[in-house]
Amino acid sequence: MSEVLRLAGALTMSTVGARVAAGHAKAAAGELTVDLSAVSEADSAALALLFDWMRAAREGGHTLSVTGVSAELRTLAALYGVDELLPAKN
């Protein structure tokens, strides 16, 4: 069973630092679903955070999925050419 990590508020350069360690530990420990449906704002730091957690999950032999990805974050991922790497579920 996958643990769900629900994020809320801004997920930006100024806020992701406080979230890195907790999500990294959860991703390394087991299957993780990150719910972004309550995120009000996101920038490239949000993508970097998700990819860091994906790496931690993969190194631990687990998977990470993401739900609630906004159209804006999907567009940003496409702009950077990493949209196909984002493990987003609808």
PDB file of N, CA and C in Angstrom:
ATOM      1  N   MET A   1       0.842  -1.185   0.000  1.00  0.00           N
ATOM      2  CA  MET A   1       0.000   0.000   0.000  1.00  0.00           C
ATOM      3  C   MET A   1       0.887   1.248   0.000  1.00  0.00           C
ATOM      4  N   SER A   2       0.518   2.203  -0.805  1.00  0.00           N
ATOM      5  CA  SER A   2       1.291   3.422  -0.963  1.00  0.00           C
ATOM      6  C   SER A   2       0.892   4.461   0.080  1.00  0.00           C
ATOM      7  N   GLU A   3       1.887   5.067   0.691  1.00  0.00           N
ATOM      8  CA  GLU A   3       1.619   6.177   1.601  1.00  0.00           C
ATOM      9  C   GLU A   3       1.323   7.405   0.749  1.00  0.00           C
ATOM     10  N   VAL A   4       0.429   8.272   1.225  1.00  0.00           N
ATOM     11  CA  VAL A   4       0.096   9.497   0.505  1.00  0.00           C
ATOM     12  C   VAL A   4       0.665  10.678   1.269  1.00  0.00           C
ATOM     13  N   LEU A   5       1.446  11.481   0.570  1.00  0.00           N
ATOM     14  CA  LEU A   5       2.003  12.717   1.120  1.00  0.00           C
ATOM     15  C   LEU A   5       1.279  13.866   0.436  1.00  0.00           C
ATOM     16  N   ARG A   6       0.445  14.574   1.191  1.00  0.00           N
ATOM     17  CA  ARG A   6      -0.342  15.678   0.635  1.00  0.00           C
ATOM     18  C   ARG A   6       0.390  16.995   0.891  1.00  0.00           C
ATOM     19  N   LEU A   7       0.688  17.685  -0.199  1.00  0.00           N
ATOM     20  CA  LEU A   7       1.350  18.980  -0.083  1.00  0.00           C
ATOM     21  C   LEU A   7       0.332  20.083  -0.324  1.00  0.00           C
ATOM     22  N   ALA A   8       0.498  21.207   0.355  1.00  0.00           N
ATOM     23  CA  ALA A   8      -0.427  22.328   0.217  1.00  0.00           C
ATOM     24  C   ALA A   8       0.348  23.633   0.218  1.00  0.00           C
ATOM     25  N   GLY A   9      -0.264  24.648  -0.357  1.00  0.00           N
ATOM     26  CA  GLY A   9       0.352  25.964  -0.397  1.00  0.00           C
ATOM     27  C   GLY A   9       1.353  26.081  -1.531  1.00  0.00           C
ATOM     28  N   ALA A  10       2.286  27.000  -1.392  1.00  0.00           N
ATOM     29  CA  ALA A  10       3.285  27.250  -2.430  1.00  0.00           C
ATOM     30  C   ALA A  10       4.375  26.189  -2.398  1.00  0.00           C
ATOM     31  N   LEU A  11       4.780  25.755  -3.580  1.00  0.00           N
ATOM     32  CA  LEU A  11       5.884  24.808  -3.731  1.00  0.00           C
ATOM     33  C   LEU A  11       6.877  25.480  -4.670  1.00  0.00           C
ATOM     34  N   THR A  12       7.642  26.395  -4.085  1.00  0.00           N
ATOM     35  CA  THR A  12       8.528  27.261  -4.867  1.00  0.00           C
ATOM     36  C   THR A  12       9.940  27.256  -4.281  1.00  0.00           C
ATOM     37  N   MET A  13      10.819  27.946  -4.953  1.00  0.00           N
ATOM     38  CA  MET A  13      12.207  28.030  -4.529  1.00  0.00           C
ATOM     39  C   MET A  13      12.330  28.421  -3.053  1.00  0.00           C
ATOM     40  N   SER A  14      11.445  29.266  -2.593  1.00  0.00           N
ATOM     41  CA  SER A  14      11.543  29.729  -1.205  1.00  0.00           C
ATOM     42  C   SER A  14      10.905  28.777  -0.197  1.00  0.00           C
ATOM     43  N   THR A  15      10.191  27.753  -0.655  1.00  0.00           N
ATOM     44  CA  THR A  15       9.502  26.874   0.291  1.00  0.00           C
ATOM     45  C   THR A  15       9.927  25.406   0.231  1.00  0.00           C
ATOM     46  N   VAL A  16      10.536  24.961  -0.857  1.00  0.00           N
ATOM     47  CA  VAL A  16      10.825  23.526  -0.974  1.00  0.00           C
ATOM     48  C   VAL A  16      11.902  23.045  -0.006  1.00  0.00           C
ATOM     49  N   GLY A  17      12.806  23.904   0.369  1.00  0.00           N
ATOM     50  CA  GLY A  17      13.878  23.497   1.270  1.00  0.00           C
ATOM     51  C   GLY A  17      13.379  22.841   2.539  1.00  0.00           C
ATOM     52  N   ALA A  18      12.280  23.338   3.066  1.00  0.00           N
ATOM     53  CA  ALA A  18      11.719  22.800   4.302  1.00  0.00           C
ATOM     54  C   ALA A  18      11.047  21.449   4.094  1.00  0.00           C
ATOM     55  N   ARG A  19      10.823  21.059   2.848  1.00  0.00           N
ATOM     56  CA  ARG A  19      10.094  19.819   2.570  1.00  0.00           C
ATOM     57  C   ARG A  19      10.977  18.685   2.068  1.00  0.00           C
ATOM     58  N   VAL A  20      12.206  18.985   1.697  1.00  0.00           N
ATOM     59  CA  VAL A  20      13.069  18.000   1.047  1.00  0.00           C
ATOM     60  C   VAL A  20      13.256  16.745   1.895  1.00  0.00           C
ATOM     61  N   ALA A  21      13.723  16.892   3.113  1.00  0.00           N
ATOM     62  CA  ALA A  21      14.106  15.742   3.935  1.00  0.00           C
ATOM     63  C   ALA A  21      12.944  14.807   4.236  1.00  0.00           C
ATOM     64  N   ALA A  22      11.794  15.348   4.591  1.00  0.00           N
ATOM     65  CA  ALA A  22      10.658  14.500   4.964  1.00  0.00           C
ATOM     66  C   ALA A  22      10.192  13.650   3.785  1.00  0.00           C
ATOM     67  N   GLY A  23      10.043  14.267   2.628  1.00  0.00           N
ATOM     68  CA  GLY A  23       9.607  13.520   1.447  1.00  0.00           C
ATOM     69  C   GLY A  23      10.660  12.535   0.981  1.00  0.00           C
ATOM     70  N   HIS A  24      11.912  12.921   1.093  1.00  0.00           N
ATOM     71  CA  HIS A  24      13.022  12.051   0.693  1.00  0.00           C
ATOM     72  C   HIS A  24      13.005  10.776   1.541  1.00  0.00           C
ATOM     73  N   ALA A  25      12.827  10.921   2.833  1.00  0.00           N
ATOM     74  CA  ALA A  25      12.786   9.770   3.738  1.00  0.00           C
ATOM     75  C   ALA A  25      11.593   8.870   3.441  1.00  0.00           C
ATOM     76  N   LYS A  26      10.430   9.460   3.200  1.00  0.00           N
ATOM     77  CA  LYS A  26       9.237   8.667   2.893  1.00  0.00           C
ATOM     78  C   LYS A  26       9.403   7.914   1.578  1.00  0.00           C
ATOM     79  N   ALA A  27       9.983   8.571   0.569  1.00  0.00           N
ATOM     80  CA  ALA A  27      10.179   7.934  -0.729  1.00  0.00           C
ATOM     81  C   ALA A  27      11.175   6.789  -0.642  1.00  0.00           C
ATOM     82  N   ALA A  28      12.201   6.959   0.166  1.00  0.00           N
ATOM     83  CA  ALA A  28      13.218   5.908   0.322  1.00  0.00           C
ATOM     84  C   ALA A  28      12.687   4.723   1.110  1.00  0.00           C
ATOM     85  N   ALA A  29      11.674   4.958   1.957  1.00  0.00           N
ATOM     86  CA  ALA A  29      11.173   3.920   2.852  1.00  0.00           C
ATOM     87  C   ALA A  29      10.107   3.019   2.230  1.00  0.00           C
ATOM     88  N   GLY A  30       9.399   3.488   1.215  1.00  0.00           N
ATOM     89  CA  GLY A  30       8.325   2.673   0.642  1.00  0.00           C
ATOM     90  C   GLY A  30       7.620   3.371  -0.495  1.00  0.00           C
ATOM     91  N   GLU A  31       6.578   2.709  -0.999  1.00  0.00           N
ATOM     92  CA  GLU A  31       5.791   3.274  -2.096  1.00  0.00           C
ATOM     93  C   GLU A  31       5.178   4.596  -1.624  1.00  0.00           C
ATOM     94  N   LEU A  32       5.225   5.603  -2.485  1.00  0.00           N
ATOM     95  CA  LEU A  32       4.751   6.926  -2.096  1.00  0.00           C
ATOM     96  C   LEU A  32       3.959   7.560  -3.220  1.00  0.00           C
ATOM     97  N   THR A  33       2.818   8.128  -2.863  1.00  0.00           N
ATOM     98  CA  THR A  33       2.034   8.949  -3.770  1.00  0.00           C
ATOM     99  C   THR A  33       2.066  10.364  -3.234  1.00  0.00           C
ATOM    100  N   VAL A  34       2.481  11.300  -4.067  1.00  0.00           N
ATOM    101  CA  VAL A  34       2.525  12.711  -3.679  1.00  0.00           C
ATOM    102  C   VAL A  34       1.301  13.386  -4.287  1.00  0.00           C
ATOM    103  N   ASP A  35       0.463  13.956  -3.441  1.00  0.00           N
ATOM    104  CA  ASP A  35      -0.764  14.628  -3.877  1.00  0.00           C
ATOM    105  C   ASP A  35      -0.513  16.134  -3.901  1.00  0.00           C
ATOM    106  N   LEU A  36      -0.548  16.697  -5.106  1.00  0.00           N
ATOM    107  CA  LEU A  36      -0.298  18.132  -5.283  1.00  0.00           C
ATOM    108  C   LEU A  36      -1.582  18.938  -5.458  1.00  0.00           C
ATOM    109  N   SER A  37      -2.735  18.334  -5.249  1.00  0.00           N
ATOM    110  CA  SER A  37      -3.997  19.009  -5.550  1.00  0.00           C
ATOM    111  C   SER A  37      -4.224  20.277  -4.735  1.00  0.00           C
ATOM    112  N   ALA A  38      -3.597  20.410  -3.583  1.00  0.00           N
ATOM    113  CA  ALA A  38      -3.769  21.613  -2.758  1.00  0.00           C
ATOM    114  C   ALA A  38      -2.602  22.593  -2.903  1.00  0.00           C
ATOM    115  N   VAL A  39      -1.715  22.351  -3.864  1.00  0.00           N
ATOM    116  CA  VAL A  39      -0.590  23.273  -4.093  1.00  0.00           C
ATOM    117  C   VAL A  39      -1.118  24.479  -4.870  1.00  0.00           C
ATOM    118  N   SER A  40      -0.894  25.650  -4.335  1.00  0.00           N
ATOM    119  CA  SER A  40      -1.436  26.877  -4.936  1.00  0.00           C
ATOM    120  C   SER A  40      -0.498  27.522  -5.943  1.00  0.00           C
ATOM    121  N   GLU A  41       0.789  27.232  -5.833  1.00  0.00           N
ATOM    122  CA  GLU A  41       1.790  27.847  -6.707  1.00  0.00           C
ATOM    123  C   GLU A  41       2.987  26.909  -6.781  1.00  0.00           C
ATOM    124  N   ALA A  42       3.555  26.771  -7.978  1.00  0.00           N
ATOM    125  CA  ALA A  42       4.723  25.909  -8.136  1.00  0.00           C
ATOM    126  C   ALA A  42       5.650  26.488  -9.195  1.00  0.00           C
ATOM    127  N   ASP A  43       6.947  26.268  -9.003  1.00  0.00           N
ATOM    128  CA  ASP A  43       7.922  26.698 -10.001  1.00  0.00           C
ATOM    129  C   ASP A  43       8.881  25.539 -10.261  1.00  0.00           C
ATOM    130  N   SER A  44       9.996  25.814 -10.898  1.00  0.00           N
ATOM    131  CA  SER A  44      10.931  24.749 -11.255  1.00  0.00           C
ATOM    132  C   SER A  44      11.472  24.013 -10.028  1.00  0.00           C
ATOM    133  N   ALA A  45      11.470  24.656  -8.881  1.00  0.00           N
ATOM    134  CA  ALA A  45      11.911  23.996  -7.653  1.00  0.00           C
ATOM    135  C   ALA A  45      10.982  22.837  -7.297  1.00  0.00           C
ATOM    136  N   ALA A  46       9.708  22.945  -7.632  1.00  0.00           N
ATOM    137  CA  ALA A  46       8.771  21.849  -7.385  1.00  0.00           C
ATOM    138  C   ALA A  46       9.164  20.634  -8.211  1.00  0.00           C
ATOM    139  N   LEU A  47       9.538  20.853  -9.454  1.00  0.00           N
ATOM    140  CA  LEU A  47       9.981  19.749 -10.306  1.00  0.00           C
ATOM    141  C   LEU A  47      11.257  19.118  -9.745  1.00  0.00           C
ATOM    142  N   ALA A  48      12.194  19.948  -9.340  1.00  0.00           N
ATOM    143  CA  ALA A  48      13.446  19.433  -8.771  1.00  0.00           C
ATOM    144  C   ALA A  48      13.166  18.601  -7.525  1.00  0.00           C
ATOM    145  N   LEU A  49      12.252  19.051  -6.702  1.00  0.00           N
ATOM    146  CA  LEU A  49      11.879  18.324  -5.492  1.00  0.00           C
ATOM    147  C   LEU A  49      11.302  16.950  -5.840  1.00  0.00           C
ATOM    148  N   LEU A  50      10.375  16.929  -6.783  1.00  0.00           N
ATOM    149  CA  LEU A  50       9.759  15.662  -7.185  1.00  0.00           C
ATOM    150  C   LEU A  50      10.784  14.706  -7.764  1.00  0.00           C
ATOM    151  N   PHE A  51      11.690  15.212  -8.589  1.00  0.00           N
ATOM    152  CA  PHE A  51      12.708  14.342  -9.179  1.00  0.00           C
ATOM    153  C   PHE A  51      13.686  13.826  -8.118  1.00  0.00           C
ATOM    154  N   ASP A  52      13.972  14.634  -7.106  1.00  0.00           N
ATOM    155  CA  ASP A  52      14.815  14.168  -6.001  1.00  0.00           C
ATOM    156  C   ASP A  52      14.127  13.022  -5.264  1.00  0.00           C
ATOM    157  N   TRP A  53      12.843  13.175  -4.996  1.00  0.00           N
ATOM    158  CA  TRP A  53      12.101  12.128  -4.309  1.00  0.00           C
ATOM    159  C   TRP A  53      11.971  10.882  -5.181  1.00  0.00           C
ATOM    160  N   MET A  54      11.819  11.063  -6.491  1.00  0.00           N
ATOM    161  CA  MET A  54      11.779   9.909  -7.399  1.00  0.00           C
ATOM    162  C   MET A  54      13.084   9.123  -7.329  1.00  0.00           C
ATOM    163  N   ARG A  55      14.184   9.835  -7.312  1.00  0.00           N
ATOM    164  CA  ARG A  55      15.507   9.206  -7.225  1.00  0.00           C
ATOM    165  C   ARG A  55      15.646   8.426  -5.920  1.00  0.00           C
ATOM    166  N   ALA A  56      15.191   9.012  -4.821  1.00  0.00           N
ATOM    167  CA  ALA A  56      15.253   8.336  -3.521  1.00  0.00           C
ATOM    168  C   ALA A  56      14.400   7.069  -3.534  1.00  0.00           C
ATOM    169  N   ALA A  57      13.221   7.150  -4.135  1.00  0.00           N
ATOM    170  CA  ALA A  57      12.348   5.979  -4.223  1.00  0.00           C
ATOM    171  C   ALA A  57      13.008   4.884  -5.053  1.00  0.00           C
ATOM    172  N   ARG A  58      13.531   5.260  -6.195  1.00  0.00           N
ATOM    173  CA  ARG A  58      14.179   4.284  -7.088  1.00  0.00           C
ATOM    174  C   ARG A  58      15.364   3.621  -6.387  1.00  0.00           C
ATOM    175  N   GLU A  59      16.178   4.394  -5.696  1.00  0.00           N
ATOM    176  CA  GLU A  59      17.341   3.842  -4.983  1.00  0.00           C
ATOM    177  C   GLU A  59      16.921   2.892  -3.866  1.00  0.00           C
ATOM    178  N   GLY A  60      15.735   3.116  -3.311  1.00  0.00           N
ATOM    179  CA  GLY A  60      15.221   2.239  -2.268  1.00  0.00           C
ATOM    180  C   GLY A  60      14.422   1.063  -2.816  1.00  0.00           C
ATOM    181  N   GLY A  61      14.329   0.983  -4.144  1.00  0.00           N
ATOM    182  CA  GLY A  61      13.575  -0.096  -4.767  1.00  0.00           C
ATOM    183  C   GLY A  61      12.078   0.113  -4.746  1.00  0.00           C
ATOM    184  N   HIS A  62      11.658   1.369  -4.662  1.00  0.00           N
ATOM    185  CA  HIS A  62      10.235   1.711  -4.577  1.00  0.00           C
ATOM    186  C   HIS A  62       9.834   2.589  -5.760  1.00  0.00           C
ATOM    187  N   THR A  63       8.548   2.873  -5.837  1.00  0.00           N
ATOM    188  CA  THR A  63       8.057   3.795  -6.862  1.00  0.00           C
ATOM    189  C   THR A  63       7.397   4.990  -6.198  1.00  0.00           C
ATOM    190  N   LEU A  64       7.365   6.065  -6.942  1.00  0.00           N
ATOM    191  CA  LEU A  64       6.714   7.290  -6.504  1.00  0.00           C
ATOM    192  C   LEU A  64       5.758   7.700  -7.607  1.00  0.00           C
ATOM    193  N   SER A  65       4.548   8.070  -7.236  1.00  0.00           N
ATOM    194  CA  SER A  65       3.601   8.600  -8.211  1.00  0.00           C
ATOM    195  C   SER A  65       3.111   9.948  -7.713  1.00  0.00           C
ATOM    196  N   VAL A  66       2.594  10.726  -8.638  1.00  0.00           N
ATOM    197  CA  VAL A  66       2.156  12.083  -8.316  1.00  0.00           C
ATOM    198  C   VAL A  66       0.736  12.270  -8.832  1.00  0.00           C
ATOM    199  N   THR A  67      -0.123  12.810  -7.986  1.00  0.00           N
ATOM    200  CA  THR A  67      -1.491  13.124  -8.385  1.00  0.00           C
ATOM    201  C   THR A  67      -1.738  14.617  -8.184  1.00  0.00           C
ATOM    202  N   GLY A  68      -2.790  15.118  -8.813  1.00  0.00           N
ATOM    203  CA  GLY A  68      -3.176  16.513  -8.627  1.00  0.00           C
ATOM    204  C   GLY A  68      -2.224  17.511  -9.236  1.00  0.00           C
ATOM    205  N   VAL A  69      -1.542  17.119 -10.302  1.00  0.00           N
ATOM    206  CA  VAL A  69      -0.589  18.026 -10.958  1.00  0.00           C
ATOM    207  C   VAL A  69      -1.368  19.084 -11.735  1.00  0.00           C
ATOM    208  N   SER A  70      -1.096  20.332 -11.457  1.00  0.00           N
ATOM    209  CA  SER A  70      -1.802  21.427 -12.130  1.00  0.00           C
ATOM    210  C   SER A  70      -1.372  21.547 -13.587  1.00  0.00           C
ATOM    211  N   ALA A  71      -2.213  22.173 -14.369  1.00  0.00           N
ATOM    212  CA  ALA A  71      -1.896  22.418 -15.782  1.00  0.00           C
ATOM    213  C   ALA A  71      -0.634  23.269 -15.891  1.00  0.00           C
ATOM    214  N   GLU A  72      -0.461  24.215 -14.973  1.00  0.00           N
ATOM    215  CA  GLU A  72       0.709  25.084 -15.003  1.00  0.00           C
ATOM    216  C   GLU A  72       2.000  24.298 -14.774  1.00  0.00           C
ATOM    217  N   LEU A  73       1.967  23.353 -13.817  1.00  0.00           N
ATOM    218  CA  LEU A  73       3.162  22.556 -13.549  1.00  0.00           C
ATOM    219  C   LEU A  73       3.447  21.602 -14.713  1.00  0.00           C
ATOM    220  N   ARG A  74       2.402  21.071 -15.322  1.00  0.00           N
ATOM    221  CA  ARG A  74       2.584  20.222 -16.509  1.00  0.00           C
ATOM    222  C   ARG A  74       3.212  21.023 -17.644  1.00  0.00           C
ATOM    223  N   THR A  75       2.762  22.248 -17.825  1.00  0.00           N
ATOM    224  CA  THR A  75       3.314  23.115 -18.866  1.00  0.00           C
ATOM    225  C   THR A  75       4.776  23.424 -18.589  1.00  0.00           C
ATOM    226  N   LEU A  76       5.101  23.706 -17.346  1.00  0.00           N
ATOM    227  CA  LEU A  76       6.481  23.984 -16.964  1.00  0.00           C
ATOM    228  C   LEU A  76       7.362  22.758 -17.229  1.00  0.00           C
ATOM    229  N   ALA A  77       6.865  21.582 -16.874  1.00  0.00           N
ATOM    230  CA  ALA A  77       7.616  20.351 -17.121  1.00  0.00           C
ATOM    231  C   ALA A  77       7.844  20.154 -18.621  1.00  0.00           C
ATOM    232  N   ALA A  78       6.834  20.453 -19.416  1.00  0.00           N
ATOM    233  CA  ALA A  78       6.973  20.323 -20.878  1.00  0.00           C
ATOM    234  C   ALA A  78       7.987  21.329 -21.413  1.00  0.00           C
ATOM    235  N   LEU A  79       7.958  22.534 -20.886  1.00  0.00           N
ATOM    236  CA  LEU A  79       8.893  23.570 -21.305  1.00  0.00           C
ATOM    237  C   LEU A  79      10.340  23.135 -21.061  1.00  0.00           C
ATOM    238  N   TYR A  80      10.572  22.461 -19.939  1.00  0.00           N
ATOM    239  CA  TYR A  80      11.914  21.978 -19.602  1.00  0.00           C
ATOM    240  C   TYR A  80      12.231  20.631 -20.254  1.00  0.00           C
ATOM    241  N   GLY A  81      11.242  20.053 -20.947  1.00  0.00           N
ATOM    242  CA  GLY A  81      11.466  18.777 -21.616  1.00  0.00           C
ATOM    243  C   GLY A  81      11.502  17.582 -20.679  1.00  0.00           C
ATOM    244  N   VAL A  82      10.867  17.711 -19.515  1.00  0.00           N
ATOM    245  CA  VAL A  82      10.878  16.611 -18.546  1.00  0.00           C
ATOM    246  C   VAL A  82       9.476  16.081 -18.250  1.00  0.00           C
ATOM    247  N   ASP A  83       8.505  16.494 -19.040  1.00  0.00           N
ATOM    248  CA  ASP A  83       7.127  16.075 -18.776  1.00  0.00           C
ATOM    249  C   ASP A  83       6.936  14.572 -18.836  1.00  0.00           C
ATOM    250  N   GLU A  84       7.678  13.897 -19.685  1.00  0.00           N
ATOM    251  CA  GLU A  84       7.538  12.430 -19.779  1.00  0.00           C
ATOM    252  C   GLU A  84       8.183  11.723 -18.598  1.00  0.00           C
ATOM    253  N   LEU A  85       9.016  12.420 -17.858  1.00  0.00           N
ATOM    254  CA  LEU A  85       9.667  11.827 -16.679  1.00  0.00           C
ATOM    255  C   LEU A  85       8.799  11.955 -15.426  1.00  0.00           C
ATOM    256  N   LEU A  86       7.826  12.857 -15.469  1.00  0.00           N
ATOM    257  CA  LEU A  86       6.987  13.110 -14.304  1.00  0.00           C
ATOM    258  C   LEU A  86       5.994  11.959 -14.138  1.00  0.00           C
ATOM    259  N   PRO A  87       6.044  11.253 -13.003  1.00  0.00           N
ATOM    260  CA  PRO A  87       5.184  10.081 -12.806  1.00  0.00           C
ATOM    261  C   PRO A  87       3.782  10.489 -12.363  1.00  0.00           C
ATOM    262  N   ALA A  88       3.095  11.253 -13.199  1.00  0.00           N
ATOM    263  CA  ALA A  88       1.815  11.824 -12.822  1.00  0.00           C
ATOM    264  C   ALA A  88       0.655  10.917 -13.216  1.00  0.00           C
ATOM    265  N   LYS A  89      -0.257  10.747 -12.268  1.00  0.00           N
ATOM    266  CA  LYS A  89      -1.521  10.063 -12.517  1.00  0.00           C
ATOM    267  C   LYS A  89      -2.583  11.151 -12.629  1.00  0.00           C
ATOM    268  N   ASN A  90      -3.635  10.851 -13.334  1.00  0.00           N
ATOM    269  CA  ASN A  90      -4.757  11.820 -13.402  1.00  0.00           C
ATOM    270  C   ASN A  90      -5.656  11.671 -12.221  1.00  0.00           C
TER     271      ASN A  90
END
